[in-house]
Amino acid sequence: GGSLRLSCAASGRTFSNAVMGWFRQA
C-alpha cells in the first residue's frame, strides 16, 4: 500500500530519439 519513487540518472549521449524503459525482474 505504500509508495516509492525510483530515479534513473542518464548520461553519456543525447537522448533525443530514445525510449527509456523501466523493467523489473524477480
PDB file of all heavy atoms in Angstrom:
ATOM      1  N   GLY A   1       0.785  -1.218   0.000  1.00  0.00           N
ATOM      2  CA  GLY A   1       0.000   0.000   0.000  1.00  0.00           C
ATOM      3  C   GLY A   1       0.817   1.268   0.000  1.00  0.00           C
ATOM      4  O   GLY A   1       0.265   2.356  -0.233  1.00  0.00           O
ATOM      5  N   GLY A   2       2.107   1.147   0.230  1.00  0.00           N
ATOM      6  CA  GLY A   2       2.976   2.301   0.270  1.00  0.00           C
ATOM      7  C   GLY A   2       3.462   2.718  -1.101  1.00  0.00           C
ATOM      8  O   GLY A   2       3.071   2.160  -2.129  1.00  0.00           O
ATOM      9  N   SER A   3       4.368   3.690  -1.107  1.00  0.00           N
ATOM     10  CA  SER A   3       4.866   4.280  -2.343  1.00  0.00           C
ATOM     11  C   SER A   3       6.376   4.393  -2.325  1.00  0.00           C
ATOM     12  O   SER A   3       6.997   4.523  -1.268  1.00  0.00           O
ATOM     13  CB  SER A   3       4.274   5.679  -2.553  1.00  0.00           C
ATOM     14  OG  SER A   3       2.865   5.642  -2.669  1.00  0.00           O
ATOM     15  N   LEU A   4       6.962   4.350  -3.501  1.00  0.00           N
ATOM     16  CA  LEU A   4       8.368   4.631  -3.719  1.00  0.00           C
ATOM     17  C   LEU A   4       8.511   5.375  -5.033  1.00  0.00           C
ATOM     18  O   LEU A   4       7.703   5.190  -5.948  1.00  0.00           O
ATOM     19  CB  LEU A   4       9.210   3.355  -3.795  1.00  0.00           C
ATOM     20  CG  LEU A   4       9.534   2.607  -2.514  1.00  0.00           C
ATOM     21  CD1 LEU A   4      10.236   1.293  -2.864  1.00  0.00           C
ATOM     22  CD2 LEU A   4      10.414   3.446  -1.604  1.00  0.00           C
ATOM     23  N   ARG A   5       9.551   6.192  -5.137  1.00  0.00           N
ATOM     24  CA  ARG A   5       9.912   6.796  -6.403  1.00  0.00           C
ATOM     25  C   ARG A   5      11.339   6.418  -6.750  1.00  0.00           C
ATOM     26  O   ARG A   5      12.272   6.730  -6.008  1.00  0.00           O
ATOM     27  CB  ARG A   5       9.783   8.322  -6.381  1.00  0.00           C
ATOM     28  CG  ARG A   5       9.932   8.926  -7.786  1.00  0.00           C
ATOM     29  CD  ARG A   5       9.727  10.420  -7.821  1.00  0.00           C
ATOM     30  NE  ARG A   5      10.895  11.147  -7.351  1.00  0.00           N
ATOM     31  CZ  ARG A   5      11.139  12.424  -7.628  1.00  0.00           C
ATOM     32  NH1 ARG A   5      10.280  13.115  -8.381  1.00  0.00           N
ATOM     33  NH2 ARG A   5      12.214  13.009  -7.142  1.00  0.00           N
ATOM     34  N   LEU A   6      11.492   5.748  -7.871  1.00  0.00           N
ATOM     35  CA  LEU A   6      12.801   5.386  -8.375  1.00  0.00           C
ATOM     36  C   LEU A   6      13.305   6.456  -9.329  1.00  0.00           C
ATOM     37  O   LEU A   6      12.523   7.072 -10.056  1.00  0.00           O
ATOM     38  CB  LEU A   6      12.752   4.047  -9.104  1.00  0.00           C
ATOM     39  CG  LEU A   6      12.151   2.864  -8.342  1.00  0.00           C
ATOM     40  CD1 LEU A   6      12.243   1.596  -9.184  1.00  0.00           C
ATOM     41  CD2 LEU A   6      12.838   2.681  -7.001  1.00  0.00           C
ATOM     42  N   SER A   7      14.613   6.657  -9.336  1.00  0.00           N
ATOM     43  CA  SER A   7      15.235   7.610 -10.232  1.00  0.00           C
ATOM     44  C   SER A   7      16.286   6.909 -11.079  1.00  0.00           C
ATOM     45  O   SER A   7      16.946   5.977 -10.624  1.00  0.00           O
ATOM     46  CB  SER A   7      15.903   8.745  -9.452  1.00  0.00           C
ATOM     47  OG  SER A   7      14.962   9.471  -8.698  1.00  0.00           O
ATOM     48  N   CYS A   8      16.447   7.367 -12.302  1.00  0.00           N
ATOM     49  CA  CYS A   8      17.465   6.873 -13.215  1.00  0.00           C
ATOM     50  C   CYS A   8      18.201   8.073 -13.780  1.00  0.00           C
ATOM     51  O   CYS A   8      17.625   8.853 -14.547  1.00  0.00           O
ATOM     52  CB  CYS A   8      16.829   6.048 -14.336  1.00  0.00           C
ATOM     53  SG  CYS A   8      17.967   5.558 -15.650  1.00  0.00           S
ATOM     54  N   ALA A   9      19.448   8.227 -13.402  1.00  0.00           N
ATOM     55  CA  ALA A   9      20.285   9.307 -13.911  1.00  0.00           C
ATOM     56  C   ALA A   9      20.969   8.837 -15.180  1.00  0.00           C
ATOM     57  O   ALA A   9      21.732   7.868 -15.155  1.00  0.00           O
ATOM     58  CB  ALA A   9      21.309   9.730 -12.869  1.00  0.00           C
ATOM     59  N   ALA A  10      20.692   9.508 -16.286  1.00  0.00           N
ATOM     60  CA  ALA A  10      21.206   9.121 -17.595  1.00  0.00           C
ATOM     61  C   ALA A  10      22.268  10.106 -18.059  1.00  0.00           C
ATOM     62  O   ALA A  10      22.132  11.314 -17.875  1.00  0.00           O
ATOM     63  CB  ALA A  10      20.068   9.059 -18.611  1.00  0.00           C
ATOM     64  N   SER A  11      23.308   9.589 -18.679  1.00  0.00           N
ATOM     65  CA  SER A  11      24.379  10.443 -19.166  1.00  0.00           C
ATOM     66  C   SER A  11      25.109   9.763 -20.312  1.00  0.00           C
ATOM     67  O   SER A  11      24.914   8.573 -20.578  1.00  0.00           O
ATOM     68  CB  SER A  11      25.371  10.779 -18.049  1.00  0.00           C
ATOM     69  OG  SER A  11      26.010   9.605 -17.567  1.00  0.00           O
ATOM     70  N   GLY A  12      25.956  10.523 -20.999  1.00  0.00           N
ATOM     71  CA  GLY A  12      26.864   9.975 -21.993  1.00  0.00           C
ATOM     72  C   GLY A  12      26.484  10.203 -23.439  1.00  0.00           C
ATOM     73  O   GLY A  12      27.327  10.049 -24.317  1.00  0.00           O
ATOM     74  N   ARG A  13      25.245  10.560 -23.694  1.00  0.00           N
ATOM     75  CA  ARG A  13      24.772  10.724 -25.063  1.00  0.00           C
ATOM     76  C   ARG A  13      23.457  11.478 -25.036  1.00  0.00           C
ATOM     77  O   ARG A  13      22.711  11.381 -24.063  1.00  0.00           O
ATOM     78  CB  ARG A  13      24.595   9.356 -25.728  1.00  0.00           C
ATOM     79  CG  ARG A  13      24.186   9.376 -27.182  1.00  0.00           C
ATOM     80  CD  ARG A  13      24.129   7.958 -27.731  1.00  0.00           C
ATOM     81  NE  ARG A  13      23.555   7.910 -29.058  1.00  0.00           N
ATOM     82  CZ  ARG A  13      23.367   6.796 -29.757  1.00  0.00           C
ATOM     83  NH1 ARG A  13      23.714   5.624 -29.246  1.00  0.00           N
ATOM     84  NH2 ARG A  13      22.823   6.859 -30.969  1.00  0.00           N
ATOM     85  N   THR A  14      23.165  12.204 -26.110  1.00  0.00           N
ATOM     86  CA  THR A  14      21.853  12.827 -26.205  1.00  0.00           C
ATOM     87  C   THR A  14      20.764  11.756 -26.227  1.00  0.00           C
ATOM     88  O   THR A  14      20.956  10.666 -26.780  1.00  0.00           O
ATOM     89  CB  THR A  14      21.737  13.701 -27.451  1.00  0.00           C
ATOM     90  OG1 THR A  14      20.425  14.253 -27.525  1.00  0.00           O
ATOM     91  CG2 THR A  14      22.004  12.889 -28.714  1.00  0.00           C
ATOM     92  N   PHE A  15      19.643  12.068 -25.607  1.00  0.00           N
ATOM     93  CA  PHE A  15      18.553  11.109 -25.532  1.00  0.00           C
ATOM     94  C   PHE A  15      17.404  11.450 -26.462  1.00  0.00           C
ATOM     95  O   PHE A  15      16.319  10.859 -26.351  1.00  0.00           O
ATOM     96  CB  PHE A  15      18.096  10.948 -24.084  1.00  0.00           C
ATOM     97  CG  PHE A  15      19.106  10.213 -23.263  1.00  0.00           C
ATOM     98  CD1 PHE A  15      20.117  10.898 -22.616  1.00  0.00           C
ATOM     99  CD2 PHE A  15      19.075   8.829 -23.182  1.00  0.00           C
ATOM    100  CE1 PHE A  15      21.077  10.222 -21.890  1.00  0.00           C
ATOM    101  CE2 PHE A  15      20.025   8.138 -22.462  1.00  0.00           C
ATOM    102  CZ  PHE A  15      21.033   8.835 -21.816  1.00  0.00           C
ATOM    103  N   SER A  16      17.638  12.376 -27.385  1.00  0.00           N
ATOM    104  CA  SER A  16      16.690  12.550 -28.471  1.00  0.00           C
ATOM    105  C   SER A  16      16.571  11.241 -29.233  1.00  0.00           C
ATOM    106  O   SER A  16      17.545  10.519 -29.420  1.00  0.00           O
ATOM    107  CB  SER A  16      17.145  13.657 -29.408  1.00  0.00           C
ATOM    108  OG  SER A  16      17.227  14.899 -28.735  1.00  0.00           O
ATOM    109  N   ASN A  17      15.369  10.939 -29.691  1.00  0.00           N
ATOM    110  CA  ASN A  17      15.086   9.701 -30.420  1.00  0.00           C
ATOM    111  C   ASN A  17      15.361   8.463 -29.575  1.00  0.00           C
ATOM    112  O   ASN A  17      15.767   7.419 -30.087  1.00  0.00           O
ATOM    113  CB  ASN A  17      15.878   9.638 -31.727  1.00  0.00           C
ATOM    114  CG  ASN A  17      15.313   8.619 -32.693  1.00  0.00           C
ATOM    115  OD1 ASN A  17      14.099   8.428 -32.777  1.00  0.00           O
ATOM    116  ND2 ASN A  17      16.198   7.953 -33.435  1.00  0.00           N
ATOM    117  N   ALA A  18      15.147   8.587 -28.270  1.00  0.00           N
ATOM    118  CA  ALA A  18      15.344   7.464 -27.368  1.00  0.00           C
ATOM    119  C   ALA A  18      14.039   7.121 -26.667  1.00  0.00           C
ATOM    120  O   ALA A  18      13.200   7.979 -26.404  1.00  0.00           O
ATOM    121  CB  ALA A  18      16.418   7.772 -26.331  1.00  0.00           C
ATOM    122  N   VAL A  19      13.891   5.851 -26.366  1.00  0.00           N
ATOM    123  CA  VAL A  19      12.853   5.367 -25.470  1.00  0.00           C
ATOM    124  C   VAL A  19      13.538   4.919 -24.188  1.00  0.00           C
ATOM    125  O   VAL A  19      14.517   4.167 -24.232  1.00  0.00           O
ATOM    126  CB  VAL A  19      12.052   4.211 -26.090  1.00  0.00           C
ATOM    127  CG1 VAL A  19      11.036   3.663 -25.091  1.00  0.00           C
ATOM    128  CG2 VAL A  19      11.355   4.674 -27.351  1.00  0.00           C
ATOM    129  N   MET A  20      13.039   5.392 -23.076  1.00  0.00           N
ATOM    130  CA  MET A  20      13.538   4.990 -21.776  1.00  0.00           C
ATOM    131  C   MET A  20      12.522   4.045 -21.156  1.00  0.00           C
ATOM    132  O   MET A  20      11.321   4.326 -21.170  1.00  0.00           O
ATOM    133  CB  MET A  20      13.747   6.190 -20.868  1.00  0.00           C
ATOM    134  CG  MET A  20      14.576   7.308 -21.487  1.00  0.00           C
ATOM    135  SD  MET A  20      16.278   6.802 -21.873  1.00  0.00           S
ATOM    136  CE  MET A  20      16.902   6.457 -20.230  1.00  0.00           C
ATOM    137  N   GLY A  21      12.999   2.951 -20.605  1.00  0.00           N
ATOM    138  CA  GLY A  21      12.119   1.963 -20.016  1.00  0.00           C
ATOM    139  C   GLY A  21      12.503   1.624 -18.595  1.00  0.00           C
ATOM    140  O   GLY A  21      13.665   1.735 -18.194  1.00  0.00           O
ATOM    141  N   TRP A  22      11.503   1.239 -17.828  1.00  0.00           N
ATOM    142  CA  TRP A  22      11.704   0.611 -16.530  1.00  0.00           C
ATOM    143  C   TRP A  22      11.253  -0.839 -16.643  1.00  0.00           C
ATOM    144  O   TRP A  22      10.140  -1.117 -17.116  1.00  0.00           O
ATOM    145  CB  TRP A  22      10.925   1.312 -15.424  1.00  0.00           C
ATOM    146  CG  TRP A  22      11.545   2.581 -14.936  1.00  0.00           C
ATOM    147  CD1 TRP A  22      11.202   3.844 -15.288  1.00  0.00           C
ATOM    148  CD2 TRP A  22      12.603   2.697 -13.981  1.00  0.00           C
ATOM    149  NE1 TRP A  22      11.972   4.756 -14.622  1.00  0.00           N
ATOM    150  CE2 TRP A  22      12.852   4.074 -13.807  1.00  0.00           C
ATOM    151  CE3 TRP A  22      13.366   1.779 -13.251  1.00  0.00           C
ATOM    152  CZ2 TRP A  22      13.834   4.555 -12.937  1.00  0.00           C
ATOM    153  CZ3 TRP A  22      14.343   2.256 -12.394  1.00  0.00           C
ATOM    154  CH2 TRP A  22      14.561   3.625 -12.249  1.00  0.00           C
ATOM    155  N   PHE A  23      12.104  -1.739 -16.200  1.00  0.00           N
ATOM    156  CA  PHE A  23      11.816  -3.161 -16.179  1.00  0.00           C
ATOM    157  C   PHE A  23      11.994  -3.691 -14.773  1.00  0.00           C
ATOM    158  O   PHE A  23      12.667  -3.073 -13.947  1.00  0.00           O
ATOM    159  CB  PHE A  23      12.748  -3.921 -17.131  1.00  0.00           C
ATOM    160  CG  PHE A  23      12.496  -3.649 -18.583  1.00  0.00           C
ATOM    161  CD1 PHE A  23      12.940  -2.478 -19.176  1.00  0.00           C
ATOM    162  CD2 PHE A  23      11.819  -4.577 -19.362  1.00  0.00           C
ATOM    163  CE1 PHE A  23      12.714  -2.224 -20.510  1.00  0.00           C
ATOM    164  CE2 PHE A  23      11.590  -4.339 -20.704  1.00  0.00           C
ATOM    165  CZ  PHE A  23      12.035  -3.163 -21.276  1.00  0.00           C
ATOM    166  N   ARG A  24      11.408  -4.843 -14.510  1.00  0.00           N
ATOM    167  CA  ARG A  24      11.634  -5.491 -13.223  1.00  0.00           C
ATOM    168  C   ARG A  24      11.824  -6.986 -13.427  1.00  0.00           C
ATOM    169  O   ARG A  24      11.302  -7.580 -14.369  1.00  0.00           O
ATOM    170  CB  ARG A  24      10.489  -5.225 -12.248  1.00  0.00           C
ATOM    171  CG  ARG A  24       9.161  -5.842 -12.634  1.00  0.00           C
ATOM    172  CD  ARG A  24       8.084  -5.397 -11.656  1.00  0.00           C
ATOM    173  NE  ARG A  24       6.787  -5.966 -11.969  1.00  0.00           N
ATOM    174  CZ  ARG A  24       5.656  -5.617 -11.380  1.00  0.00           C
ATOM    175  NH1 ARG A  24       5.661  -4.677 -10.430  1.00  0.00           N
ATOM    176  NH2 ARG A  24       4.515  -6.193 -11.726  1.00  0.00           N
ATOM    177  N   GLN A  25      12.584  -7.573 -12.519  1.00  0.00           N
ATOM    178  CA  GLN A  25      12.859  -8.997 -12.580  1.00  0.00           C
ATOM    179  C   GLN A  25      12.943  -9.561 -11.170  1.00  0.00           C
ATOM    180  O   GLN A  25      13.775  -9.129 -10.375  1.00  0.00           O
ATOM    181  CB  GLN A  25      14.160  -9.270 -13.331  1.00  0.00           C
ATOM    182  CG  GLN A  25      14.423 -10.740 -13.579  1.00  0.00           C
ATOM    183  CD  GLN A  25      15.548 -10.957 -14.570  1.00  0.00           C
ATOM    184  OE1 GLN A  25      16.455 -10.127 -14.697  1.00  0.00           O
ATOM    185  NE2 GLN A  25      15.497 -12.065 -15.286  1.00  0.00           N
ATOM    186  N   ALA A  26      12.077 -10.513 -10.887  1.00  0.00           N
ATOM    187  CA  ALA A  26      12.114 -11.256  -9.639  1.00  0.00           C
ATOM    188  C   ALA A  26      12.896 -12.542  -9.856  1.00  0.00           C
ATOM    189  O   ALA A  26      13.015 -13.025 -10.990  1.00  0.00           O
ATOM    190  CB  ALA A  26      10.699 -11.554  -9.153  1.00  0.00           C
TER     191      ALA A  26
END
